[in-house]
Amino acid sequence: KNKYRSASLSSSNMAGSAAKLPGLMRPLKPSVQLGKFLGSNADISRPAALKKIWAYIKQQDLQDPADRRQINCDSKLADLLGTKKLNMLEMGKRLNPHFESAPKK
């Protein structure tokens, strides 16, 4: 067992309410534009939204064949992310404005 893994992140504890989830896993309300892209305005976590966007990128074959880290956005993705081409590591930064901030406790 990994001694560095926090007990609060175990899968049995994740089944609780959304308020107990760590920051990135907490479902947030997406923007209207992101909700339209994903096909639902239901609350979603950042990793889940990113996973759906990656599925779209792979389905539409938008990765640059010469450099798979580069994404050549089609019009639908460019409207969402605000650019025609981006590095895969930039996606999180480009998605952040599309989530309403969780209330601070």
PDB file of N, CA and C in Angstrom:
ATOM      1  N   LYS A   1       0.838  -1.178   0.000  1.00  0.00           N
ATOM      2  CA  LYS A   1       0.000   0.000   0.000  1.00  0.00           C
ATOM      3  C   LYS A   1       0.887   1.246   0.000  1.00  0.00           C
ATOM      4  N   ASN A   2       0.514   2.228  -0.800  1.00  0.00           N
ATOM      5  CA  ASN A   2       1.295   3.443  -0.908  1.00  0.00           C
ATOM      6  C   ASN A   2       1.078   4.313   0.323  1.00  0.00           C
ATOM      7  N   LYS A   3       2.138   4.552   1.088  1.00  0.00           N
ATOM      8  CA  LYS A   3       1.999   5.306   2.319  1.00  0.00           C
ATOM      9  C   LYS A   3       1.745   6.792   2.075  1.00  0.00           C
ATOM     10  N   TYR A   4       1.974   7.263   0.835  1.00  0.00           N
ATOM     11  CA  TYR A   4       1.778   8.668   0.519  1.00  0.00           C
ATOM     12  C   TYR A   4       0.360   8.976   0.049  1.00  0.00           C
ATOM     13  N   ARG A   5      -0.394   7.965  -0.250  1.00  0.00           N
ATOM     14  CA  ARG A   5      -1.759   8.187  -0.720  1.00  0.00           C
ATOM     15  C   ARG A   5      -2.646   8.567   0.464  1.00  0.00           C
ATOM     16  N   SER A   6      -3.342   9.625   0.308  1.00  0.00           N
ATOM     17  CA  SER A   6      -4.212  10.118   1.377  1.00  0.00           C
ATOM     18  C   SER A   6      -5.436   9.226   1.509  1.00  0.00           C
ATOM     19  N   ALA A   7      -5.825   8.954   2.721  1.00  0.00           N
ATOM     20  CA  ALA A   7      -7.017   8.140   2.960  1.00  0.00           C
ATOM     21  C   ALA A   7      -8.260   8.825   2.419  1.00  0.00           C
ATOM     22  N   SER A   8      -8.252  10.151   2.357  1.00  0.00           N
ATOM     23  CA  SER A   8      -9.430  10.882   1.869  1.00  0.00           C
ATOM     24  C   SER A   8      -9.636  10.711   0.374  1.00  0.00           C
ATOM     25  N   LEU A   9      -8.646  10.214  -0.357  1.00  0.00           N
ATOM     26  CA  LEU A   9      -8.773  10.028  -1.799  1.00  0.00           C
ATOM     27  C   LEU A   9      -9.125   8.596  -2.188  1.00  0.00           C
ATOM     28  N   SER A  10      -9.331   7.723  -1.234  1.00  0.00           N
ATOM     29  CA  SER A  10      -9.651   6.344  -1.571  1.00  0.00           C
ATOM     30  C   SER A  10     -11.013   6.278  -2.238  1.00  0.00           C
ATOM     31  N   SER A  11     -11.213   5.265  -3.072  1.00  0.00           N
ATOM     32  CA  SER A  11     -12.449   5.178  -3.843  1.00  0.00           C
ATOM     33  C   SER A  11     -13.678   5.010  -2.953  1.00  0.00           C
ATOM     34  N   SER A  12     -13.525   4.382  -1.796  1.00  0.00           N
ATOM     35  CA  SER A  12     -14.677   4.223  -0.917  1.00  0.00           C
ATOM     36  C   SER A  12     -15.129   5.564  -0.353  1.00  0.00           C
ATOM     37  N   ASN A  13     -14.199   6.483  -0.145  1.00  0.00           N
ATOM     38  CA  ASN A  13     -14.557   7.804   0.354  1.00  0.00           C
ATOM     39  C   ASN A  13     -15.094   8.711  -0.740  1.00  0.00           C
ATOM     40  N   MET A  14     -14.795   8.428  -2.004  1.00  0.00           N
ATOM     41  CA  MET A  14     -15.242   9.246  -3.118  1.00  0.00           C
ATOM     42  C   MET A  14     -16.733   9.088  -3.367  1.00  0.00           C
ATOM     43  N   ALA A  15     -17.340   8.051  -2.845  1.00  0.00           N
ATOM     44  CA  ALA A  15     -18.763   7.803  -3.079  1.00  0.00           C
ATOM     45  C   ALA A  15     -19.650   8.774  -2.309  1.00  0.00           C
ATOM     46  N   GLY A  16     -19.072   9.572  -1.412  1.00  0.00           N
ATOM     47  CA  GLY A  16     -19.831  10.518  -0.601  1.00  0.00           C
ATOM     48  C   GLY A  16     -20.298  11.709  -1.410  1.00  0.00           C
ATOM     49  N   SER A  17     -20.675  12.750  -0.729  1.00  0.00           N
ATOM     50  CA  SER A  17     -21.205  13.931  -1.400  1.00  0.00           C
ATOM     51  C   SER A  17     -20.112  14.675  -2.164  1.00  0.00           C
ATOM     52  N   ALA A  18     -20.545  15.519  -3.098  1.00  0.00           N
ATOM     53  CA  ALA A  18     -19.611  16.282  -3.918  1.00  0.00           C
ATOM     54  C   ALA A  18     -18.788  17.251  -3.072  1.00  0.00           C
ATOM     55  N   ALA A  19     -19.321  17.709  -1.953  1.00  0.00           N
ATOM     56  CA  ALA A  19     -18.602  18.655  -1.110  1.00  0.00           C
ATOM     57  C   ALA A  19     -17.346  18.032  -0.509  1.00  0.00           C
ATOM     58  N   LYS A  20     -17.283  16.722  -0.402  1.00  0.00           N
ATOM     59  CA  LYS A  20     -16.132  16.044   0.182  1.00  0.00           C
ATOM     60  C   LYS A  20     -15.046  15.741  -0.847  1.00  0.00           C
ATOM     61  N   LEU A  21     -15.344  15.923  -2.123  1.00  0.00           N
ATOM     62  CA  LEU A  21     -14.379  15.603  -3.164  1.00  0.00           C
ATOM     63  C   LEU A  21     -13.267  16.643  -3.209  1.00  0.00           C
ATOM     64  N   PRO A  22     -12.043  16.206  -3.552  1.00  0.00           N
ATOM     65  CA  PRO A  22     -10.956  17.168  -3.683  1.00  0.00           C
ATOM     66  C   PRO A  22     -11.230  18.139  -4.838  1.00  0.00           C
ATOM     67  N   GLY A  23     -10.557  19.271  -4.845  1.00  0.00           N
ATOM     68  CA  GLY A  23     -10.788  20.358  -5.781  1.00  0.00           C
ATOM     69  C   GLY A  23     -11.018  20.004  -7.231  1.00  0.00           C
ATOM     70  N   LEU A  24     -10.122  19.255  -7.846  1.00  0.00           N
ATOM     71  CA  LEU A  24     -10.266  18.959  -9.273  1.00  0.00           C
ATOM     72  C   LEU A  24     -11.398  17.979  -9.571  1.00  0.00           C
ATOM     73  N   MET A  25     -11.734  17.150  -8.630  1.00  0.00           N
ATOM     74  CA  MET A  25     -12.770  16.141  -8.860  1.00  0.00           C
ATOM     75  C   MET A  25     -14.177  16.666  -8.563  1.00  0.00           C
ATOM     76  N   ARG A  26     -14.277  17.826  -7.937  1.00  0.00           N
ATOM     77  CA  ARG A  26     -15.570  18.385  -7.561  1.00  0.00           C
ATOM     78  C   ARG A  26     -16.325  18.830  -8.808  1.00  0.00           C
ATOM     79  N   PRO A  27     -17.553  18.373  -8.985  1.00  0.00           N
ATOM     80  CA  PRO A  27     -18.348  18.821 -10.129  1.00  0.00           C
ATOM     81  C   PRO A  27     -18.663  20.312 -10.032  1.00  0.00           C
ATOM     82  N   LEU A  28     -18.485  21.002 -11.150  1.00  0.00           N
ATOM     83  CA  LEU A  28     -18.763  22.429 -11.223  1.00  0.00           C
ATOM     84  C   LEU A  28     -19.739  22.698 -12.359  1.00  0.00           C
ATOM     85  N   LYS A  29     -20.387  23.831 -12.306  1.00  0.00           N
ATOM     86  CA  LYS A  29     -21.319  24.204 -13.357  1.00  0.00           C
ATOM     87  C   LYS A  29     -20.524  24.696 -14.563  1.00  0.00           C
ATOM     88  N   PRO A  30     -20.734  24.083 -15.738  1.00  0.00           N
ATOM     89  CA  PRO A  30     -20.021  24.540 -16.939  1.00  0.00           C
ATOM     90  C   PRO A  30     -20.668  25.793 -17.518  1.00  0.00           C
ATOM     91  N   SER A  31     -19.912  26.539 -18.289  1.00  0.00           N
ATOM     92  CA  SER A  31     -20.463  27.691 -18.988  1.00  0.00           C
ATOM     93  C   SER A  31     -21.475  27.195 -20.024  1.00  0.00           C
ATOM     94  N   VAL A  32     -22.278  28.102 -20.530  1.00  0.00           N
ATOM     95  CA  VAL A  32     -23.264  27.739 -21.550  1.00  0.00           C
ATOM     96  C   VAL A  32     -22.552  27.163 -22.769  1.00  0.00           C
ATOM     97  N   GLN A  33     -21.433  27.788 -23.141  1.00  0.00           N
ATOM     98  CA  GLN A  33     -20.673  27.347 -24.317  1.00  0.00           C
ATOM     99  C   GLN A  33     -20.101  25.937 -24.113  1.00  0.00           C
ATOM    100  N   LEU A  34     -19.535  25.667 -22.948  1.00  0.00           N
ATOM    101  CA  LEU A  34     -18.995  24.336 -22.665  1.00  0.00           C
ATOM    102  C   LEU A  34     -20.118  23.314 -22.576  1.00  0.00           C
ATOM    103  N   GLY A  35     -21.214  23.686 -21.938  1.00  0.00           N
ATOM    104  CA  GLY A  35     -22.357  22.787 -21.848  1.00  0.00           C
ATOM    105  C   GLY A  35     -22.888  22.412 -23.224  1.00  0.00           C
ATOM    106  N   LYS A  36     -22.926  23.381 -24.125  1.00  0.00           N
ATOM    107  CA  LYS A  36     -23.380  23.114 -25.496  1.00  0.00           C
ATOM    108  C   LYS A  36     -22.420  22.159 -26.198  1.00  0.00           C
ATOM    109  N   PHE A  37     -21.114  22.363 -26.002  1.00  0.00           N
ATOM    110  CA  PHE A  37     -20.105  21.489 -26.610  1.00  0.00           C
ATOM    111  C   PHE A  37     -20.233  20.063 -26.079  1.00  0.00           C
ATOM    112  N   LEU A  38     -20.434  19.935 -24.759  1.00  0.00           N
ATOM    113  CA  LEU A  38     -20.515  18.612 -24.135  1.00  0.00           C
ATOM    114  C   LEU A  38     -21.878  17.961 -24.323  1.00  0.00           C
ATOM    115  N   GLY A  39     -22.882  18.755 -24.670  1.00  0.00           N
ATOM    116  CA  GLY A  39     -24.221  18.210 -24.869  1.00  0.00           C
ATOM    117  C   GLY A  39     -25.062  18.175 -23.604  1.00  0.00           C
ATOM    118  N   SER A  40     -24.593  18.826 -22.541  1.00  0.00           N
ATOM    119  CA  SER A  40     -25.328  18.841 -21.280  1.00  0.00           C
ATOM    120  C   SER A  40     -24.830  19.996 -20.419  1.00  0.00           C
ATOM    121  N   ASN A  41     -25.753  20.643 -19.725  1.00  0.00           N
ATOM    122  CA  ASN A  41     -25.374  21.706 -18.791  1.00  0.00           C
ATOM    123  C   ASN A  41     -25.272  21.194 -17.354  1.00  0.00           C
ATOM    124  N   ALA A  42     -25.304  19.885 -17.187  1.00  0.00           N
ATOM    125  CA  ALA A  42     -25.188  19.288 -15.854  1.00  0.00           C
ATOM    126  C   ALA A  42     -23.785  19.546 -15.294  1.00  0.00           C
ATOM    127  N   ASP A  43     -23.682  19.625 -13.973  1.00  0.00           N
ATOM    128  CA  ASP A  43     -22.392  19.808 -13.319  1.00  0.00           C
ATOM    129  C   ASP A  43     -21.446  18.688 -13.742  1.00  0.00           C
ATOM    130  N   ILE A  44     -20.162  19.046 -13.943  1.00  0.00           N
ATOM    131  CA  ILE A  44     -19.164  18.074 -14.386  1.00  0.00           C
ATOM    132  C   ILE A  44     -17.818  18.478 -13.800  1.00  0.00           C
ATOM    133  N   SER A  45     -16.980  17.498 -13.497  1.00  0.00           N
ATOM    134  CA  SER A  45     -15.648  17.800 -12.983  1.00  0.00           C
ATOM    135  C   SER A  45     -14.738  18.186 -14.147  1.00  0.00           C
ATOM    136  N   ARG A  46     -13.670  18.883 -13.837  1.00  0.00           N
ATOM    137  CA  ARG A  46     -12.723  19.278 -14.889  1.00  0.00           C
ATOM    138  C   ARG A  46     -12.151  18.057 -15.608  1.00  0.00           C
ATOM    139  N   PRO A  47     -11.703  17.016 -14.878  1.00  0.00           N
ATOM    140  CA  PRO A  47     -11.162  15.844 -15.581  1.00  0.00           C
ATOM    141  C   PRO A  47     -12.191  15.160 -16.482  1.00  0.00           C
ATOM    142  N   ALA A  48     -13.446  15.110 -16.055  1.00  0.00           N
ATOM    143  CA  ALA A  48     -14.474  14.475 -16.885  1.00  0.00           C
ATOM    144  C   ALA A  48     -14.721  15.284 -18.155  1.00  0.00           C
ATOM    145  N   ALA A  49     -14.729  16.612 -18.039  1.00  0.00           N
ATOM    146  CA  ALA A  49     -14.909  17.464 -19.217  1.00  0.00           C
ATOM    147  C   ALA A  49     -13.723  17.310 -20.162  1.00  0.00           C
ATOM    148  N   LEU A  50     -12.529  17.296 -19.613  1.00  0.00           N
ATOM    149  CA  LEU A  50     -11.319  17.138 -20.421  1.00  0.00           C
ATOM    150  C   LEU A  50     -11.323  15.796 -21.142  1.00  0.00           C
ATOM    151  N   LYS A  51     -11.782  14.763 -20.471  1.00  0.00           N
ATOM    152  CA  LYS A  51     -11.860  13.433 -21.072  1.00  0.00           C
ATOM    153  C   LYS A  51     -12.801  13.443 -22.286  1.00  0.00           C
ATOM    154  N   LYS A  52     -13.939  14.138 -22.158  1.00  0.00           N
ATOM    155  CA  LYS A  52     -14.881  14.214 -23.277  1.00  0.00           C
ATOM    156  C   LYS A  52     -14.304  15.031 -24.424  1.00  0.00           C
ATOM    157  N   ILE A  53     -13.578  16.076 -24.106  1.00  0.00           N
ATOM    158  CA  ILE A  53     -12.957  16.884 -25.159  1.00  0.00           C
ATOM    159  C   ILE A  53     -11.884  16.084 -25.872  1.00  0.00           C
ATOM    160  N   TRP A  54     -11.092  15.309 -25.126  1.00  0.00           N
ATOM    161  CA  TRP A  54     -10.078  14.454 -25.751  1.00  0.00           C
ATOM    162  C   TRP A  54     -10.734  13.401 -26.647  1.00  0.00           C
ATOM    163  N   ALA A  55     -11.848  12.850 -26.228  1.00  0.00           N
ATOM    164  CA  ALA A  55     -12.564  11.882 -27.067  1.00  0.00           C
ATOM    165  C   ALA A  55     -12.973  12.538 -28.383  1.00  0.00           C
ATOM    166  N   TYR A  56     -13.437  13.790 -28.310  1.00  0.00           N
ATOM    167  CA  TYR A  56     -13.823  14.534 -29.512  1.00  0.00           C
ATOM    168  C   TYR A  56     -12.602  14.765 -30.402  1.00  0.00           C
ATOM    169  N   ILE A  57     -11.481  15.167 -29.799  1.00  0.00           N
ATOM    170  CA  ILE A  57     -10.248  15.424 -30.557  1.00  0.00           C
ATOM    171  C   ILE A  57      -9.802  14.170 -31.299  1.00  0.00           C
ATOM    172  N   LYS A  58      -9.839  13.043 -30.621  1.00  0.00           N
ATOM    173  CA  LYS A  58      -9.419  11.785 -31.255  1.00  0.00           C
ATOM    174  C   LYS A  58     -10.415  11.331 -32.317  1.00  0.00           C
ATOM    175  N   GLN A  59     -11.707  11.503 -32.046  1.00  0.00           N
ATOM    176  CA  GLN A  59     -12.740  11.109 -33.000  1.00  0.00           C
ATOM    177  C   GLN A  59     -12.630  11.932 -34.288  1.00  0.00           C
ATOM    178  N   GLN A  60     -12.328  13.219 -34.153  1.00  0.00           N
ATOM    179  CA  GLN A  60     -12.223  14.109 -35.308  1.00  0.00           C
ATOM    180  C   GLN A  60     -10.808  14.146 -35.897  1.00  0.00           C
ATOM    181  N   ASP A  61      -9.883  13.401 -35.300  1.00  0.00           N
ATOM    182  CA  ASP A  61      -8.488  13.335 -35.746  1.00  0.00           C
ATOM    183  C   ASP A  61      -7.871  14.736 -35.838  1.00  0.00           C
ATOM    184  N   LEU A  62      -7.902  15.462 -34.719  1.00  0.00           N
ATOM    185  CA  LEU A  62      -7.434  16.837 -34.691  1.00  0.00           C
ATOM    186  C   LEU A  62      -5.990  16.993 -34.216  1.00  0.00           C
ATOM    187  N   GLN A  63      -5.353  15.894 -33.811  1.00  0.00           N
ATOM    188  CA  GLN A  63      -3.955  15.991 -33.398  1.00  0.00           C
ATOM    189  C   GLN A  63      -3.078  16.123 -34.633  1.00  0.00           C
ATOM    190  N   ASP A  64      -2.055  16.966 -34.537  1.00  0.00           N
ATOM    191  CA  ASP A  64      -1.111  17.166 -35.625  1.00  0.00           C
ATOM    192  C   ASP A  64      -0.334  15.863 -35.832  1.00  0.00           C
ATOM    193  N   PRO A  65      -0.318  15.309 -37.034  1.00  0.00           N
ATOM    194  CA  PRO A  65       0.386  14.033 -37.257  1.00  0.00           C
ATOM    195  C   PRO A  65       1.892  14.127 -37.002  1.00  0.00           C
ATOM    196  N   ALA A  66       2.485  15.289 -37.245  1.00  0.00           N
ATOM    197  CA  ALA A  66       3.927  15.454 -37.053  1.00  0.00           C
ATOM    198  C   ALA A  66       4.288  15.623 -35.577  1.00  0.00           C
ATOM    199  N   ASP A  67       3.409  16.252 -34.820  1.00  0.00           N
ATOM    200  CA  ASP A  67       3.647  16.482 -33.392  1.00  0.00           C
ATOM    201  C   ASP A  67       2.325  16.254 -32.665  1.00  0.00           C
ATOM    202  N   ARG A  68       2.147  15.069 -32.113  1.00  0.00           N
ATOM    203  CA  ARG A  68       0.871  14.673 -31.516  1.00  0.00           C
ATOM    204  C   ARG A  68       0.487  15.521 -30.300  1.00  0.00           C
ATOM    205  N   ARG A  69       1.428  16.309 -29.785  1.00  0.00           N
ATOM    206  CA  ARG A  69       1.104  17.193 -28.662  1.00  0.00           C
ATOM    207  C   ARG A  69       0.336  18.427 -29.116  1.00  0.00           C
ATOM    208  N   GLN A  70       0.403  18.731 -30.403  1.00  0.00           N
ATOM    209  CA  GLN A  70      -0.290  19.886 -30.965  1.00  0.00           C
ATOM    210  C   GLN A  70      -1.689  19.496 -31.419  1.00  0.00           C
ATOM    211  N   ILE A  71      -2.648  20.368 -31.150  1.00  0.00           N
ATOM    212  CA  ILE A  71      -4.031  20.115 -31.547  1.00  0.00           C
ATOM    213  C   ILE A  71      -4.434  21.197 -32.535  1.00  0.00           C
ATOM    214  N   ASN A  72      -4.876  20.775 -33.716  1.00  0.00           N
ATOM    215  CA  ASN A  72      -5.373  21.671 -34.745  1.00  0.00           C
ATOM    216  C   ASN A  72      -6.890  21.713 -34.602  1.00  0.00           C
ATOM    217  N   CYS A  73      -7.393  22.769 -34.001  1.00  0.00           N
ATOM    218  CA  CYS A  73      -8.814  22.861 -33.665  1.00  0.00           C
ATOM    219  C   CYS A  73      -9.676  23.060 -34.907  1.00  0.00           C
ATOM    220  N   ASP A  74     -10.799  22.368 -34.943  1.00  0.00           N
ATOM    221  CA  ASP A  74     -11.805  22.652 -35.958  1.00  0.00           C
ATOM    222  C   ASP A  74     -12.617  23.841 -35.444  1.00  0.00           C
ATOM    223  N   SER A  75     -13.593  24.299 -36.213  1.00  0.00           N
ATOM    224  CA  SER A  75     -14.327  25.509 -35.822  1.00  0.00           C
ATOM    225  C   SER A  75     -15.065  25.340 -34.496  1.00  0.00           C
ATOM    226  N   LYS A  76     -15.625  24.158 -34.252  1.00  0.00           N
ATOM    227  CA  LYS A  76     -16.367  23.914 -33.009  1.00  0.00           C
ATOM    228  C   LYS A  76     -15.446  24.001 -31.788  1.00  0.00           C
ATOM    229  N   LEU A  77     -14.280  23.382 -31.871  1.00  0.00           N
ATOM    230  CA  LEU A  77     -13.326  23.397 -30.761  1.00  0.00           C
ATOM    231  C   LEU A  77     -12.655  24.770 -30.632  1.00  0.00           C
ATOM    232  N   ALA A  78     -12.374  25.415 -31.763  1.00  0.00           N
ATOM    233  CA  ALA A  78     -11.758  26.745 -31.732  1.00  0.00           C
ATOM    234  C   ALA A  78     -12.686  27.759 -31.075  1.00  0.00           C
ATOM    235  N   ASP A  79     -13.989  27.650 -31.315  1.00  0.00           N
ATOM    236  CA  ASP A  79     -14.947  28.553 -30.662  1.00  0.00           C
ATOM    237  C   ASP A  79     -14.915  28.375 -29.149  1.00  0.00           C
ATOM    238  N   LEU A  80     -14.761  27.142 -28.697  1.00  0.00           N
ATOM    239  CA  LEU A  80     -14.734  26.859 -27.270  1.00  0.00           C
ATOM    240  C   LEU A  80     -13.433  27.326 -26.621  1.00  0.00           C
ATOM    241  N   LEU A  81     -12.299  26.998 -27.248  1.00  0.00           N
ATOM    242  CA  LEU A  81     -11.000  27.252 -26.635  1.00  0.00           C
ATOM    243  C   LEU A  81     -10.379  28.590 -27.028  1.00  0.00           C
ATOM    244  N   GLY A  82     -10.923  29.242 -28.052  1.00  0.00           N
ATOM    245  CA  GLY A  82     -10.444  30.561 -28.433  1.00  0.00           C
ATOM    246  C   GLY A  82      -9.162  30.585 -29.233  1.00  0.00           C
ATOM    247  N   THR A  83      -8.809  29.491 -29.871  1.00  0.00           N
ATOM    248  CA  THR A  83      -7.603  29.444 -30.690  1.00  0.00           C
ATOM    249  C   THR A  83      -7.743  28.344 -31.737  1.00  0.00           C
ATOM    250  N   LYS A  84      -6.999  28.470 -32.838  1.00  0.00           N
ATOM    251  CA  LYS A  84      -7.048  27.457 -33.897  1.00  0.00           C
ATOM    252  C   LYS A  84      -6.034  26.337 -33.654  1.00  0.00           C
ATOM    253  N   LYS A  85      -4.995  26.605 -32.871  1.00  0.00           N
ATOM    254  CA  LYS A  85      -3.961  25.604 -32.615  1.00  0.00           C
ATOM    255  C   LYS A  85      -3.456  25.778 -31.191  1.00  0.00           C
ATOM    256  N   LEU A  86      -3.276  24.675 -30.486  1.00  0.00           N
ATOM    257  CA  LEU A  86      -2.753  24.763 -29.131  1.00  0.00           C
ATOM    258  C   LEU A  86      -1.998  23.495 -28.772  1.00  0.00           C
ATOM    259  N   ASN A  87      -1.154  23.621 -27.765  1.00  0.00           N
ATOM    260  CA  ASN A  87      -0.426  22.496 -27.206  1.00  0.00           C
ATOM    261  C   ASN A  87      -1.366  21.800 -26.230  1.00  0.00           C
ATOM    262  N   MET A  88      -1.293  20.487 -26.147  1.00  0.00           N
ATOM    263  CA  MET A  88      -2.222  19.744 -25.288  1.00  0.00           C
ATOM    264  C   MET A  88      -2.126  20.194 -23.819  1.00  0.00           C
ATOM    265  N   LEU A  89      -0.978  20.699 -23.408  1.00  0.00           N
ATOM    266  CA  LEU A  89      -0.820  21.131 -22.024  1.00  0.00           C
ATOM    267  C   LEU A  89      -1.527  22.453 -21.737  1.00  0.00           C
ATOM    268  N   GLU A  90      -1.911  23.184 -22.781  1.00  0.00           N
ATOM    269  CA  GLU A  90      -2.627  24.450 -22.620  1.00  0.00           C
ATOM    270  C   GLU A  90      -4.125  24.249 -22.398  1.00  0.00           C
ATOM    271  N   MET A  91      -4.613  23.069 -22.652  1.00  0.00           N
ATOM    272  CA  MET A  91      -6.057  22.860 -22.629  1.00  0.00           C
ATOM    273  C   MET A  91      -6.692  23.173 -21.277  1.00  0.00           C
ATOM    274  N   GLY A  92      -6.059  22.779 -20.207  1.00  0.00           N
ATOM    275  CA  GLY A  92      -6.598  23.064 -18.880  1.00  0.00           C
ATOM    276  C   GLY A  92      -6.744  24.544 -18.641  1.00  0.00           C
ATOM    277  N   LYS A  93      -5.726  25.317 -19.050  1.00  0.00           N
ATOM    278  CA  LYS A  93      -5.760  26.773 -18.892  1.00  0.00           C
ATOM    279  C   LYS A  93      -6.895  27.372 -19.720  1.00  0.00           C
ATOM    280  N   ARG A  94      -7.105  26.852 -20.906  1.00  0.00           N
ATOM    281  CA  ARG A  94      -8.153  27.372 -21.790  1.00  0.00           C
ATOM    282  C   ARG A  94      -9.555  26.972 -21.312  1.00  0.00           C
ATOM    283  N   LEU A  95      -9.649  25.869 -20.567  1.00  0.00           N
ATOM    284  CA  LEU A  95     -10.945  25.415 -20.068  1.00  0.00           C
ATOM    285  C   LEU A  95     -11.365  26.099 -18.771  1.00  0.00           C
ATOM    286  N   ASN A  96     -10.418  26.555 -17.970  1.00  0.00           N
ATOM    287  CA  ASN A  96     -10.734  27.145 -16.663  1.00  0.00           C
ATOM    288  C   ASN A  96     -11.825  28.213 -16.702  1.00  0.00           C
ATOM    289  N   PRO A  97     -11.812  29.136 -17.657  1.00  0.00           N
ATOM    290  CA  PRO A  97     -12.870  30.167 -17.660  1.00  0.00           C
ATOM    291  C   PRO A  97     -14.268  29.600 -17.908  1.00  0.00           C
ATOM    292  N   HIS A  98     -14.366  28.355 -18.358  1.00  0.00           N
ATOM    293  CA  HIS A  98     -15.654  27.752 -18.667  1.00  0.00           C
ATOM    294  C   HIS A  98     -16.304  27.055 -17.462  1.00  0.00           C
ATOM    295  N   PHE A  99     -15.695  27.190 -16.281  1.00  0.00           N
ATOM    296  CA  PHE A  99     -16.257  26.606 -15.068  1.00  0.00           C
ATOM    297  C   PHE A  99     -16.531  27.712 -14.059  1.00  0.00           C
ATOM    298  N   GLU A 100     -17.727  27.673 -13.466  1.00  0.00           N
ATOM    299  CA  GLU A 100     -18.020  28.611 -12.390  1.00  0.00           C
ATOM    300  C   GLU A 100     -17.224  28.200 -11.176  1.00  0.00           C
ATOM    301  N   SER A 101     -16.627  29.158 -10.518  1.00  0.00           N
ATOM    302  CA  SER A 101     -15.814  28.846  -9.341  1.00  0.00           C
ATOM    303  C   SER A 101     -16.692  28.289  -8.233  1.00  0.00           C
ATOM    304  N   ALA A 102     -16.165  27.296  -7.545  1.00  0.00           N
ATOM    305  CA  ALA A 102     -16.880  26.716  -6.399  1.00  0.00           C
ATOM    306  C   ALA A 102     -16.847  27.719  -5.262  1.00  0.00           C
ATOM    307  N   PRO A 103     -17.912  27.791  -4.469  1.00  0.00           N
ATOM    308  CA  PRO A 103     -17.896  28.715  -3.333  1.00  0.00           C
ATOM    309  C   PRO A 103     -16.828  28.325  -2.327  1.00  0.00           C
ATOM    310  N   LYS A 104     -16.114  29.332  -1.818  1.00  0.00           N
ATOM    311  CA  LYS A 104     -15.066  29.080  -0.826  1.00  0.00           C
ATOM    312  C   LYS A 104     -15.695  28.930   0.534  1.00  0.00           C
ATOM    313  N   LYS A 105     -15.165  27.981   1.306  1.00  0.00           N
ATOM    314  CA  LYS A 105     -15.703  27.720   2.650  1.00  0.00           C
ATOM    315  C   LYS A 105     -14.798  28.283   3.699  1.00  0.00           C
TER     316      LYS A 105
END
